[in-house]
C-alpha cells in the first residue's frame, strides 16, 4: 500500500479536506474523499487493475495516478463545483463509482475551464518543531501547467492558541519555483500548522501541514 495524500483546500468561506489513498493490492483502487466539517461531501474511486497485468506492479505508476487524481479533485473544488452545496446537505454515505475523468469533464462542459493558479510540491510538507523546514514548490496554472513567475509566497506558523507568525516570504522565479529553508521554533502549546500561500494576478492557492513534535 502506497502512502496517500491529505490536503486542506480553502475555497470561499469553507475549508475542504481532500484525502487520497491506495486501497491495496487486494482491492486495487485509488479512493479520494472530500470532507467538509468532518462529514464526507463526495468521493471518487478509480481502479488500477490494468497495472497488475504485468509480472510486477510498478508503484511509481500508481503514485502518479494518485497524485493526478488528488490534484484533479482539488482543482474541481477551486473551480467552484461545490459552491452551491449547503453544509446541511452533506451525506456521510455519498459514495459513488463514477469515473473521475468523466465527472470532471461533465463539470467543465457546464462551467467552462478556468485556468487558475495551483501550488505543486516535489514532496509532501513535513514540518517538525525544532527542525529545519524546507519549502520547495512551484506555482503554475492548473490547466495549461504554465509556470507563474513573480508570484508572492508567504510561509506562516499558525496556532490554535497564538497569533500567526510569519516565517518566510519571497517570490517565484521565472520557472514559477520557490525554494526556502527555515528552522522551526521549539514545541508550542496547542495545535500548530505551517501554511504556505501563493498570491498573484492569476489566482491564490494555499497548502497546510500540521507540525509534529519531531
N, C-alpha and C. Protein backbone atom coordinates (compact mmCIF):
# COMPACT_ATOMS: atom_id res chain seq x y z
N UNK A 1 0.84 -1.19 0.00
CA UNK A 1 0.00 0.00 0.00
C UNK A 1 0.88 1.24 0.00
N UNK A 2 0.55 2.24 -0.83
CA UNK A 2 1.35 3.43 -1.00
C UNK A 2 0.82 4.55 -0.11
N UNK A 3 1.75 5.35 0.45
CA UNK A 3 1.35 6.46 1.30
C UNK A 3 0.48 7.44 0.52
N UNK A 4 -0.61 7.87 1.15
CA UNK A 4 -1.56 8.73 0.47
C UNK A 4 -1.29 10.21 0.66
N UNK A 5 -2.30 11.03 0.28
CA UNK A 5 -2.19 12.48 0.34
C UNK A 5 -3.33 13.04 1.20
N UNK A 6 -3.04 14.10 1.95
CA UNK A 6 -4.03 14.82 2.72
C UNK A 6 -3.80 16.31 2.53
N UNK A 7 -4.81 17.02 2.03
CA UNK A 7 -4.66 18.44 1.74
C UNK A 7 -5.89 19.20 2.20
N UNK A 8 -5.68 20.32 2.88
CA UNK A 8 -6.77 21.24 3.22
C UNK A 8 -6.84 22.30 2.13
N UNK A 9 -8.03 22.50 1.57
CA UNK A 9 -8.24 23.46 0.50
C UNK A 9 -9.24 24.51 0.96
N UNK A 10 -8.80 25.74 1.08
CA UNK A 10 -9.71 26.82 1.46
C UNK A 10 -10.31 27.42 0.20
N UNK A 11 -11.63 27.43 0.12
CA UNK A 11 -12.32 28.00 -1.04
C UNK A 11 -13.57 28.69 -0.54
N UNK A 12 -13.67 29.97 -0.84
CA UNK A 12 -14.82 30.72 -0.33
C UNK A 12 -14.77 30.79 1.19
N UNK A 13 -15.88 30.49 1.82
CA UNK A 13 -15.96 30.55 3.28
C UNK A 13 -15.74 29.19 3.93
N UNK A 14 -15.42 28.17 3.13
CA UNK A 14 -15.30 26.82 3.68
C UNK A 14 -13.90 26.25 3.43
N UNK A 15 -13.54 25.29 4.29
CA UNK A 15 -12.29 24.55 4.12
C UNK A 15 -12.64 23.10 3.80
N UNK A 16 -12.14 22.63 2.68
CA UNK A 16 -12.36 21.26 2.24
C UNK A 16 -11.11 20.45 2.57
N UNK A 17 -11.30 19.26 3.13
CA UNK A 17 -10.18 18.36 3.36
C UNK A 17 -10.25 17.24 2.32
N UNK A 18 -9.18 17.10 1.54
CA UNK A 18 -9.13 16.11 0.47
C UNK A 18 -8.15 15.01 0.87
N UNK A 19 -8.62 13.78 0.87
CA UNK A 19 -7.80 12.63 1.27
C UNK A 19 -7.80 11.59 0.16
N UNK A 20 -6.63 11.22 -0.31
CA UNK A 20 -6.49 10.22 -1.36
C UNK A 20 -5.62 9.08 -0.84
N UNK A 21 -6.09 7.85 -1.03
CA UNK A 21 -5.31 6.71 -0.55
C UNK A 21 -5.43 5.53 -1.49
N UNK A 22 -4.42 4.68 -1.43
CA UNK A 22 -4.38 3.42 -2.16
C UNK A 22 -5.04 2.35 -1.28
N UNK A 23 -5.99 1.60 -1.83
CA UNK A 23 -6.70 0.60 -1.05
C UNK A 23 -5.94 -0.72 -0.96
N UNK A 24 -4.83 -0.85 -1.70
CA UNK A 24 -4.00 -2.04 -1.59
C UNK A 24 -4.20 -3.02 -2.73
N UNK A 25 -3.28 -3.96 -2.85
CA UNK A 25 -3.29 -4.90 -3.97
C UNK A 25 -4.53 -5.79 -3.99
N UNK A 26 -5.05 -6.10 -2.81
CA UNK A 26 -6.24 -6.95 -2.76
C UNK A 26 -7.48 -6.21 -3.26
N UNK A 27 -7.45 -4.90 -3.25
CA UNK A 27 -8.55 -4.07 -3.72
C UNK A 27 -7.95 -2.90 -4.48
N UNK A 28 -7.47 -3.15 -5.71
CA UNK A 28 -6.66 -2.16 -6.42
C UNK A 28 -7.44 -0.93 -6.88
N UNK A 29 -7.75 -0.07 -5.93
CA UNK A 29 -8.47 1.16 -6.22
C UNK A 29 -7.78 2.33 -5.54
N UNK A 30 -7.92 3.48 -6.17
CA UNK A 30 -7.47 4.74 -5.59
C UNK A 30 -8.73 5.50 -5.18
N UNK A 31 -8.83 5.82 -3.91
CA UNK A 31 -10.03 6.47 -3.39
C UNK A 31 -9.70 7.87 -2.89
N UNK A 32 -10.51 8.83 -3.32
CA UNK A 32 -10.38 10.20 -2.86
C UNK A 32 -11.67 10.61 -2.16
N UNK A 33 -11.55 11.06 -0.92
CA UNK A 33 -12.69 11.53 -0.15
C UNK A 33 -12.57 13.03 0.06
N UNK A 34 -13.71 13.73 -0.01
CA UNK A 34 -13.77 15.16 0.23
C UNK A 34 -14.59 15.38 1.50
N UNK A 35 -13.97 16.00 2.50
CA UNK A 35 -14.64 16.27 3.77
C UNK A 35 -14.89 17.76 3.93
N UNK A 36 -15.99 18.09 4.55
CA UNK A 36 -16.27 19.45 5.00
C UNK A 36 -16.87 19.35 6.39
N UNK A 37 -16.22 19.98 7.37
CA UNK A 37 -16.71 19.92 8.73
C UNK A 37 -16.75 18.51 9.30
N UNK A 38 -15.83 17.66 8.86
CA UNK A 38 -15.77 16.30 9.37
C UNK A 38 -16.73 15.33 8.70
N UNK A 39 -17.56 15.81 7.79
CA UNK A 39 -18.51 14.94 7.08
C UNK A 39 -18.05 14.74 5.64
N UNK A 40 -18.31 13.56 5.09
CA UNK A 40 -17.94 13.27 3.70
C UNK A 40 -18.90 13.96 2.75
N UNK A 41 -18.35 14.83 1.92
CA UNK A 41 -19.15 15.56 0.94
C UNK A 41 -19.27 14.80 -0.37
N UNK A 42 -18.18 14.17 -0.80
CA UNK A 42 -18.18 13.44 -2.07
C UNK A 42 -17.00 12.49 -2.08
N UNK A 43 -16.99 11.57 -3.03
CA UNK A 43 -15.89 10.62 -3.13
C UNK A 43 -15.71 10.17 -4.57
N UNK A 44 -14.50 9.75 -4.87
CA UNK A 44 -14.17 9.22 -6.19
C UNK A 44 -13.33 7.96 -6.01
N UNK A 45 -13.60 6.97 -6.83
CA UNK A 45 -12.78 5.76 -6.83
C UNK A 45 -12.38 5.43 -8.27
N UNK A 46 -11.12 5.08 -8.46
CA UNK A 46 -10.65 4.64 -9.77
C UNK A 46 -9.82 3.38 -9.58
N UNK A 47 -9.88 2.49 -10.55
CA UNK A 47 -9.18 1.21 -10.47
C UNK A 47 -7.82 1.28 -11.16
N UNK A 48 -6.87 0.52 -10.63
CA UNK A 48 -5.58 0.38 -11.32
C UNK A 48 -5.28 -1.10 -11.59
N UNK A 49 -6.34 -1.84 -11.84
CA UNK A 49 -6.16 -3.26 -12.16
C UNK A 49 -5.30 -3.45 -13.40
N UNK A 50 -5.36 -2.48 -14.32
CA UNK A 50 -4.57 -2.60 -15.55
C UNK A 50 -3.08 -2.63 -15.27
N UNK A 51 -2.66 -2.03 -14.15
CA UNK A 51 -1.23 -2.02 -13.82
C UNK A 51 -0.76 -3.34 -13.24
N UNK A 52 -1.72 -4.21 -12.90
CA UNK A 52 -1.38 -5.51 -12.35
C UNK A 52 -1.30 -6.58 -13.43
N UNK A 53 -1.51 -6.18 -14.66
CA UNK A 53 -1.50 -7.15 -15.76
C UNK A 53 -0.11 -7.71 -16.01
N UNK A 54 0.92 -6.91 -15.68
CA UNK A 54 2.28 -7.38 -15.89
C UNK A 54 2.74 -8.28 -14.77
N UNK A 55 4.00 -8.64 -14.82
CA UNK A 55 4.55 -9.55 -13.81
C UNK A 55 4.66 -8.88 -12.45
N UNK A 56 4.94 -7.58 -12.46
CA UNK A 56 5.07 -6.85 -11.21
C UNK A 56 4.28 -5.55 -11.29
N UNK A 57 3.88 -5.05 -10.15
CA UNK A 57 3.18 -3.78 -10.08
C UNK A 57 4.20 -2.66 -9.97
N UNK A 58 4.08 -1.67 -10.84
CA UNK A 58 5.02 -0.56 -10.84
C UNK A 58 4.44 0.52 -9.92
N UNK A 59 5.02 0.61 -8.71
CA UNK A 59 4.50 1.54 -7.71
C UNK A 59 4.55 3.00 -8.18
N UNK A 60 5.61 3.43 -8.88
CA UNK A 60 5.60 4.83 -9.34
C UNK A 60 4.39 5.16 -10.21
N UNK A 61 3.93 4.19 -11.01
CA UNK A 61 2.76 4.44 -11.85
C UNK A 61 1.51 4.65 -11.01
N UNK A 62 1.37 3.86 -9.93
CA UNK A 62 0.24 4.03 -9.03
C UNK A 62 0.34 5.37 -8.32
N UNK A 63 1.55 5.73 -7.89
CA UNK A 63 1.76 7.01 -7.21
C UNK A 63 1.39 8.18 -8.12
N UNK A 64 1.74 8.05 -9.40
CA UNK A 64 1.42 9.10 -10.37
C UNK A 64 -0.09 9.25 -10.51
N UNK A 65 -0.80 8.14 -10.58
CA UNK A 65 -2.26 8.20 -10.70
C UNK A 65 -2.89 8.80 -9.45
N UNK A 66 -2.35 8.46 -8.28
CA UNK A 66 -2.86 9.03 -7.04
C UNK A 66 -2.67 10.55 -7.04
N UNK A 67 -1.49 10.98 -7.47
CA UNK A 67 -1.18 12.41 -7.50
C UNK A 67 -2.12 13.13 -8.46
N UNK A 68 -2.33 12.56 -9.64
CA UNK A 68 -3.19 13.19 -10.64
C UNK A 68 -4.63 13.26 -10.15
N UNK A 69 -5.12 12.18 -9.53
CA UNK A 69 -6.49 12.17 -9.04
C UNK A 69 -6.66 13.18 -7.90
N UNK A 70 -5.68 13.23 -7.01
CA UNK A 70 -5.75 14.16 -5.87
C UNK A 70 -5.78 15.61 -6.37
N UNK A 71 -4.89 15.94 -7.30
CA UNK A 71 -4.84 17.31 -7.82
C UNK A 71 -6.08 17.66 -8.63
N UNK A 72 -6.64 16.67 -9.35
CA UNK A 72 -7.83 16.93 -10.14
C UNK A 72 -9.02 17.27 -9.25
N UNK A 73 -9.16 16.57 -8.12
CA UNK A 73 -10.26 16.86 -7.20
C UNK A 73 -10.07 18.24 -6.57
N UNK A 74 -8.84 18.59 -6.20
CA UNK A 74 -8.57 19.92 -5.66
C UNK A 74 -8.92 20.99 -6.68
N UNK A 75 -8.56 20.75 -7.93
CA UNK A 75 -8.88 21.70 -8.99
C UNK A 75 -10.39 21.83 -9.16
N UNK A 76 -11.10 20.71 -9.02
CA UNK A 76 -12.55 20.71 -9.09
C UNK A 76 -13.15 21.62 -8.03
N UNK A 77 -12.62 21.54 -6.81
CA UNK A 77 -13.10 22.38 -5.71
C UNK A 77 -12.84 23.85 -6.01
N UNK A 78 -11.62 24.16 -6.46
CA UNK A 78 -11.27 25.55 -6.73
C UNK A 78 -12.06 26.14 -7.89
N UNK A 79 -12.46 25.28 -8.81
CA UNK A 79 -13.27 25.75 -9.94
C UNK A 79 -14.74 25.95 -9.57
N UNK A 80 -15.09 25.65 -8.30
CA UNK A 80 -16.42 26.00 -7.81
C UNK A 80 -17.47 24.93 -7.87
N UNK A 81 -17.08 23.67 -8.09
CA UNK A 81 -18.08 22.62 -8.24
C UNK A 81 -18.99 22.50 -7.03
N UNK A 82 -18.45 22.71 -5.82
CA UNK A 82 -19.23 22.51 -4.61
C UNK A 82 -19.70 23.82 -3.97
N UNK A 83 -19.65 24.90 -4.74
CA UNK A 83 -20.04 26.20 -4.19
C UNK A 83 -21.50 26.25 -3.78
N UNK A 84 -22.37 25.50 -4.47
CA UNK A 84 -23.80 25.57 -4.18
C UNK A 84 -24.28 24.44 -3.30
N UNK A 85 -23.34 23.67 -2.73
CA UNK A 85 -23.72 22.56 -1.86
C UNK A 85 -23.84 23.05 -0.43
N UNK A 86 -25.07 23.15 0.13
CA UNK A 86 -25.22 23.62 1.50
C UNK A 86 -24.63 22.63 2.49
N UNK A 87 -24.08 23.17 3.61
CA UNK A 87 -23.43 22.32 4.59
C UNK A 87 -24.40 21.32 5.20
N UNK A 88 -25.69 21.66 5.31
CA UNK A 88 -26.64 20.74 5.93
C UNK A 88 -27.11 19.65 4.98
N UNK A 89 -26.59 19.67 3.74
CA UNK A 89 -26.99 18.66 2.76
C UNK A 89 -25.92 17.60 2.58
N UNK A 90 -24.88 17.63 3.41
CA UNK A 90 -23.81 16.66 3.29
C UNK A 90 -24.33 15.27 3.61
N UNK A 91 -23.89 14.29 2.85
CA UNK A 91 -24.32 12.92 3.05
C UNK A 91 -23.11 12.07 3.38
N UNK A 92 -22.95 11.61 4.62
CA UNK A 92 -21.77 10.83 5.00
C UNK A 92 -21.58 9.57 4.19
N UNK A 93 -22.63 9.04 3.59
CA UNK A 93 -22.51 7.80 2.84
C UNK A 93 -22.57 8.04 1.34
N UNK A 94 -22.23 9.25 0.91
CA UNK A 94 -22.37 9.60 -0.50
C UNK A 94 -21.20 9.07 -1.31
N UNK A 95 -21.04 7.77 -1.38
CA UNK A 95 -20.01 7.15 -2.20
C UNK A 95 -20.57 6.89 -3.60
N UNK A 96 -19.68 6.88 -4.56
CA UNK A 96 -20.11 6.59 -5.93
C UNK A 96 -18.97 5.94 -6.67
N UNK A 97 -19.29 5.36 -7.80
CA UNK A 97 -18.28 4.67 -8.60
C UNK A 97 -18.10 5.32 -9.96
N UNK A 98 -18.54 6.58 -10.10
CA UNK A 98 -18.43 7.21 -11.42
C UNK A 98 -16.96 7.50 -11.72
N UNK A 99 -16.55 7.37 -12.97
CA UNK A 99 -15.16 7.65 -13.31
C UNK A 99 -14.80 9.10 -13.02
N UNK A 100 -13.65 9.32 -12.44
CA UNK A 100 -13.23 10.67 -12.10
C UNK A 100 -13.12 11.55 -13.34
N UNK A 101 -12.49 11.04 -14.40
CA UNK A 101 -12.31 11.85 -15.60
C UNK A 101 -13.65 12.31 -16.17
N UNK A 102 -14.66 11.44 -16.14
CA UNK A 102 -15.96 11.79 -16.68
C UNK A 102 -16.64 12.85 -15.82
N UNK A 103 -16.50 12.72 -14.51
CA UNK A 103 -17.10 13.69 -13.59
C UNK A 103 -16.51 15.08 -13.82
N UNK A 104 -15.19 15.14 -13.97
CA UNK A 104 -14.54 16.42 -14.21
C UNK A 104 -14.93 16.98 -15.57
N UNK A 105 -14.98 16.12 -16.58
CA UNK A 105 -15.37 16.56 -17.92
C UNK A 105 -16.77 17.14 -17.91
N UNK A 106 -17.70 16.47 -17.22
CA UNK A 106 -19.08 16.96 -17.16
C UNK A 106 -19.12 18.35 -16.53
N UNK A 107 -18.35 18.53 -15.48
CA UNK A 107 -18.34 19.83 -14.82
C UNK A 107 -17.76 20.92 -15.73
N UNK A 108 -16.65 20.62 -16.39
CA UNK A 108 -16.02 21.61 -17.25
C UNK A 108 -16.90 21.98 -18.43
N UNK A 109 -17.65 21.02 -18.95
CA UNK A 109 -18.57 21.31 -20.04
C UNK A 109 -19.67 22.27 -19.60
N UNK A 110 -20.07 22.16 -18.34
CA UNK A 110 -21.13 23.01 -17.82
C UNK A 110 -20.61 24.39 -17.43
N UNK A 111 -19.44 24.43 -16.80
CA UNK A 111 -18.97 25.66 -16.20
C UNK A 111 -17.87 26.37 -17.00
N UNK A 112 -17.20 25.66 -17.89
CA UNK A 112 -16.07 26.24 -18.60
C UNK A 112 -14.79 26.02 -17.83
N UNK A 113 -13.70 25.82 -18.52
CA UNK A 113 -12.42 25.52 -17.88
C UNK A 113 -11.77 26.82 -17.40
N UNK A 114 -11.43 26.88 -16.14
CA UNK A 114 -10.81 28.05 -15.55
C UNK A 114 -9.36 27.70 -15.23
N UNK A 115 -8.43 28.39 -15.87
CA UNK A 115 -7.01 28.08 -15.70
C UNK A 115 -6.46 28.89 -14.54
N UNK A 116 -6.65 28.40 -13.33
CA UNK A 116 -6.26 29.14 -12.14
C UNK A 116 -4.93 28.64 -11.60
N UNK A 117 -4.37 29.41 -10.69
CA UNK A 117 -3.08 29.09 -10.08
C UNK A 117 -3.21 27.92 -9.13
N UNK A 118 -2.17 27.07 -9.11
CA UNK A 118 -2.08 25.99 -8.13
C UNK A 118 -0.63 25.84 -7.69
N UNK A 119 -0.45 25.40 -6.45
CA UNK A 119 0.87 25.12 -5.92
C UNK A 119 1.16 23.63 -6.06
N UNK A 120 2.37 23.29 -6.49
CA UNK A 120 2.77 21.90 -6.68
C UNK A 120 3.99 21.62 -5.82
N UNK A 121 3.92 20.54 -5.07
CA UNK A 121 5.03 20.12 -4.21
C UNK A 121 5.87 19.05 -4.88
N UNK A 122 7.19 19.08 -4.66
CA UNK A 122 8.02 17.97 -5.13
C UNK A 122 8.00 16.83 -4.14
N UNK A 123 7.59 17.11 -2.88
CA UNK A 123 7.44 16.10 -1.84
C UNK A 123 6.49 16.67 -0.80
N UNK A 124 5.83 15.82 -0.01
CA UNK A 124 4.88 16.32 0.99
C UNK A 124 5.56 17.20 2.02
N UNK A 125 4.83 18.21 2.51
CA UNK A 125 5.33 19.04 3.60
C UNK A 125 5.37 18.22 4.88
N UNK A 126 6.48 18.30 5.61
CA UNK A 126 6.61 17.52 6.84
C UNK A 126 7.30 18.35 7.91
N UNK A 127 6.67 19.43 8.38
CA UNK A 127 7.30 20.29 9.39
C UNK A 127 7.34 19.63 10.76
N UNK A 128 8.43 19.86 11.49
CA UNK A 128 8.60 19.32 12.84
C UNK A 128 9.24 20.39 13.71
N UNK A 129 8.74 20.55 14.93
CA UNK A 129 9.27 21.55 15.84
C UNK A 129 10.77 21.34 16.07
N UNK A 130 11.50 22.47 16.07
CA UNK A 130 12.92 22.43 16.36
C UNK A 130 13.78 21.86 15.25
N UNK A 131 13.19 21.65 14.08
CA UNK A 131 13.93 21.05 12.96
C UNK A 131 13.95 22.00 11.77
N UNK A 132 14.96 21.87 10.90
CA UNK A 132 14.96 22.65 9.65
C UNK A 132 13.74 22.27 8.81
N UNK A 133 13.16 23.26 8.18
CA UNK A 133 11.98 23.04 7.35
C UNK A 133 12.24 23.64 5.97
N UNK A 134 12.20 22.81 4.95
CA UNK A 134 12.49 23.24 3.58
C UNK A 134 11.20 23.33 2.79
N UNK A 135 11.02 24.46 2.14
CA UNK A 135 9.88 24.67 1.25
C UNK A 135 10.38 24.68 -0.18
N UNK A 136 9.90 23.76 -1.00
CA UNK A 136 10.28 23.71 -2.41
C UNK A 136 9.01 23.46 -3.21
N UNK A 137 8.52 24.51 -3.84
CA UNK A 137 7.24 24.45 -4.54
C UNK A 137 7.33 25.09 -5.91
N UNK A 138 6.31 24.83 -6.71
CA UNK A 138 6.17 25.53 -7.99
C UNK A 138 4.76 26.06 -8.10
N UNK A 139 4.64 27.29 -8.55
CA UNK A 139 3.34 27.89 -8.85
C UNK A 139 3.12 27.76 -10.35
N UNK A 140 1.99 27.18 -10.72
CA UNK A 140 1.69 27.01 -12.14
C UNK A 140 0.19 27.11 -12.36
N UNK A 141 -0.22 27.15 -13.60
CA UNK A 141 -1.63 27.18 -13.94
C UNK A 141 -2.14 25.73 -14.02
N UNK A 142 -3.30 25.48 -13.43
CA UNK A 142 -3.75 24.10 -13.26
C UNK A 142 -4.11 23.41 -14.57
N UNK A 143 -4.50 24.16 -15.60
CA UNK A 143 -4.91 23.52 -16.86
C UNK A 143 -3.76 23.42 -17.85
N UNK A 144 -3.14 24.55 -18.16
CA UNK A 144 -2.04 24.54 -19.14
C UNK A 144 -0.72 24.13 -18.51
N UNK A 145 -0.62 24.21 -17.18
CA UNK A 145 0.60 23.91 -16.43
C UNK A 145 1.73 24.87 -16.75
N UNK A 146 1.40 26.05 -17.25
CA UNK A 146 2.41 27.07 -17.47
C UNK A 146 2.85 27.63 -16.12
N UNK A 147 4.15 27.92 -15.95
CA UNK A 147 4.62 28.46 -14.67
C UNK A 147 4.08 29.86 -14.42
N UNK A 148 3.99 30.21 -13.15
CA UNK A 148 3.55 31.56 -12.76
C UNK A 148 4.72 32.26 -12.08
N UNK A 149 5.46 33.10 -12.81
CA UNK A 149 6.61 33.78 -12.21
C UNK A 149 6.18 34.99 -11.37
N UNK A 150 7.09 35.41 -10.49
CA UNK A 150 6.91 36.62 -9.68
C UNK A 150 5.63 36.58 -8.83
N UNK A 151 5.23 35.39 -8.42
CA UNK A 151 4.10 35.26 -7.50
C UNK A 151 4.60 35.41 -6.07
N UNK A 152 3.80 36.02 -5.22
CA UNK A 152 4.20 36.27 -3.84
C UNK A 152 4.00 35.02 -2.98
N UNK A 153 5.04 34.60 -2.30
CA UNK A 153 5.00 33.43 -1.42
C UNK A 153 5.12 33.88 0.03
N UNK A 154 4.28 33.33 0.89
CA UNK A 154 4.35 33.62 2.32
C UNK A 154 4.22 32.31 3.09
N UNK A 155 5.11 32.10 4.04
CA UNK A 155 5.08 30.92 4.90
C UNK A 155 4.82 31.38 6.33
N UNK A 156 3.77 30.84 6.96
CA UNK A 156 3.38 31.26 8.30
C UNK A 156 3.23 30.05 9.21
N UNK A 157 3.43 30.30 10.49
CA UNK A 157 3.13 29.29 11.51
C UNK A 157 1.85 29.74 12.21
N UNK A 158 0.81 28.92 12.10
CA UNK A 158 -0.47 29.25 12.74
C UNK A 158 -0.69 28.31 13.91
N UNK A 159 -1.37 28.81 14.93
CA UNK A 159 -1.58 28.05 16.15
C UNK A 159 -3.01 28.24 16.63
N UNK A 160 -3.52 27.23 17.32
CA UNK A 160 -4.86 27.33 17.89
C UNK A 160 -4.87 28.21 19.14
N UNK A 161 -3.67 28.55 19.67
CA UNK A 161 -3.60 29.32 20.91
C UNK A 161 -2.85 30.63 20.77
N UNK A 162 -2.18 30.84 19.66
CA UNK A 162 -1.41 32.07 19.48
C UNK A 162 -1.69 32.69 18.13
N UNK A 163 -1.26 33.95 17.98
CA UNK A 163 -1.39 34.62 16.70
C UNK A 163 -0.43 33.99 15.69
N UNK A 164 -0.79 34.10 14.44
CA UNK A 164 0.06 33.56 13.38
C UNK A 164 1.40 34.30 13.35
N UNK A 165 2.46 33.55 13.02
CA UNK A 165 3.80 34.11 12.95
C UNK A 165 4.35 33.95 11.54
N UNK A 166 4.84 35.04 10.98
CA UNK A 166 5.46 34.95 9.67
C UNK A 166 6.82 34.29 9.75
N UNK A 167 7.10 33.36 8.87
CA UNK A 167 8.36 32.63 8.88
C UNK A 167 9.25 32.96 7.68
N UNK A 168 8.63 33.18 6.53
CA UNK A 168 9.42 33.32 5.31
C UNK A 168 8.56 33.97 4.23
N UNK A 169 9.15 34.85 3.45
CA UNK A 169 8.46 35.44 2.31
C UNK A 169 9.41 35.45 1.11
N UNK A 170 8.85 35.58 -0.07
CA UNK A 170 9.65 35.63 -1.27
C UNK A 170 8.77 35.61 -2.50
N UNK A 171 9.39 35.44 -3.65
CA UNK A 171 8.66 35.40 -4.92
C UNK A 171 9.19 34.26 -5.78
N UNK A 172 8.32 33.75 -6.63
CA UNK A 172 8.72 32.66 -7.52
C UNK A 172 9.63 33.19 -8.62
N UNK A 173 10.50 32.31 -9.13
CA UNK A 173 11.41 32.71 -10.19
C UNK A 173 10.74 32.58 -11.56
N UNK A 174 11.53 32.69 -12.61
CA UNK A 174 10.97 32.65 -13.96
C UNK A 174 10.28 31.34 -14.27
N UNK A 175 10.69 30.26 -13.59
CA UNK A 175 10.08 28.94 -13.80
C UNK A 175 8.92 28.70 -12.84
N UNK A 176 8.54 29.73 -12.08
CA UNK A 176 7.46 29.57 -11.12
C UNK A 176 7.87 28.88 -9.85
N UNK A 177 9.18 28.70 -9.62
CA UNK A 177 9.66 27.93 -8.47
C UNK A 177 10.09 28.83 -7.32
N UNK A 178 9.97 28.28 -6.13
CA UNK A 178 10.43 28.96 -4.92
C UNK A 178 11.03 27.93 -3.99
N UNK A 179 12.22 28.24 -3.47
CA UNK A 179 12.89 27.35 -2.52
C UNK A 179 13.35 28.18 -1.34
N UNK A 180 13.06 27.71 -0.14
CA UNK A 180 13.50 28.40 1.07
C UNK A 180 13.61 27.42 2.21
N UNK A 181 14.43 27.75 3.20
CA UNK A 181 14.60 26.87 4.34
C UNK A 181 14.67 27.70 5.61
N UNK A 182 13.98 27.23 6.65
CA UNK A 182 13.97 27.90 7.93
C UNK A 182 14.10 26.86 9.03
N UNK A 183 14.39 27.31 10.25
CA UNK A 183 14.37 26.44 11.42
C UNK A 183 13.10 26.72 12.20
N UNK A 184 12.27 25.72 12.38
CA UNK A 184 11.05 25.91 13.13
C UNK A 184 11.36 26.05 14.62
N UNK A 185 10.56 26.83 15.34
CA UNK A 185 10.81 27.04 16.77
C UNK A 185 10.55 25.76 17.56
N UNK A 186 10.97 25.75 18.84
CA UNK A 186 10.68 24.59 19.69
C UNK A 186 9.17 24.38 19.84
N UNK A 187 8.81 23.29 20.45
CA UNK A 187 7.41 22.92 20.61
C UNK A 187 6.60 24.03 21.25
N UNK A 188 5.39 24.25 20.76
CA UNK A 188 4.49 25.27 21.27
C UNK A 188 3.18 24.62 21.71
N UNK A 189 2.47 25.24 22.65
CA UNK A 189 1.18 24.68 23.08
C UNK A 189 0.12 24.81 21.99
N UNK A 190 -0.86 23.96 22.06
CA UNK A 190 -1.94 24.00 21.07
C UNK A 190 -1.57 23.26 19.81
N UNK A 191 -2.49 23.24 18.87
CA UNK A 191 -2.26 22.60 17.58
C UNK A 191 -1.68 23.62 16.62
N UNK A 192 -0.58 23.28 15.98
CA UNK A 192 0.11 24.21 15.09
C UNK A 192 0.22 23.63 13.68
N UNK A 193 0.29 24.54 12.73
CA UNK A 193 0.43 24.13 11.33
C UNK A 193 1.26 25.17 10.59
N UNK A 194 1.96 24.72 9.57
CA UNK A 194 2.66 25.61 8.66
C UNK A 194 1.76 25.83 7.44
N UNK A 195 1.57 27.09 7.09
CA UNK A 195 0.73 27.45 5.94
C UNK A 195 1.61 28.12 4.89
N UNK A 196 1.59 27.58 3.68
CA UNK A 196 2.32 28.15 2.55
C UNK A 196 1.29 28.70 1.57
N UNK A 197 1.32 30.00 1.35
CA UNK A 197 0.34 30.62 0.46
C UNK A 197 1.04 31.28 -0.72
N UNK A 198 0.32 31.37 -1.81
CA UNK A 198 0.84 31.97 -3.05
C UNK A 198 -0.22 32.89 -3.63
N UNK A 199 0.18 34.12 -3.94
CA UNK A 199 -0.75 35.11 -4.46
C UNK A 199 -0.18 35.76 -5.71
N UNK A 200 -1.00 35.85 -6.74
CA UNK A 200 -0.60 36.57 -7.95
C UNK A 200 -1.87 37.03 -8.66
N UNK A 201 -1.70 37.72 -9.78
CA UNK A 201 -2.88 38.15 -10.53
C UNK A 201 -3.57 36.98 -11.24
N UNK A 202 -2.96 35.77 -11.17
CA UNK A 202 -3.56 34.58 -11.77
C UNK A 202 -4.35 33.76 -10.75
N UNK A 203 -4.35 34.19 -9.49
CA UNK A 203 -5.14 33.47 -8.50
C UNK A 203 -4.41 33.30 -7.18
N UNK A 204 -4.98 32.47 -6.33
CA UNK A 204 -4.45 32.22 -5.00
C UNK A 204 -4.53 30.74 -4.69
N UNK A 205 -3.49 30.24 -4.01
CA UNK A 205 -3.52 28.85 -3.53
C UNK A 205 -2.80 28.79 -2.19
N UNK A 206 -3.13 27.74 -1.44
CA UNK A 206 -2.60 27.61 -0.10
C UNK A 206 -2.43 26.14 0.24
N UNK A 207 -1.33 25.82 0.88
CA UNK A 207 -1.07 24.47 1.36
C UNK A 207 -0.84 24.53 2.87
N UNK A 208 -1.28 23.50 3.58
CA UNK A 208 -1.15 23.49 5.03
C UNK A 208 -0.73 22.11 5.50
N UNK A 209 0.15 22.09 6.50
CA UNK A 209 0.61 20.82 7.07
C UNK A 209 0.76 20.98 8.58
N UNK A 210 0.24 20.03 9.34
CA UNK A 210 0.37 20.06 10.79
C UNK A 210 1.83 19.87 11.19
N UNK A 211 2.25 20.60 12.24
CA UNK A 211 3.61 20.50 12.73
C UNK A 211 3.67 19.38 13.77
N UNK A 212 4.61 18.46 13.59
CA UNK A 212 4.76 17.35 14.53
C UNK A 212 5.79 17.69 15.59
N UNK A 213 5.91 16.81 16.57
CA UNK A 213 6.84 17.06 17.68
C UNK A 213 8.28 16.72 17.33
N UNK A 214 8.50 16.15 16.13
CA UNK A 214 9.85 15.85 15.67
C UNK A 214 10.40 14.56 16.21
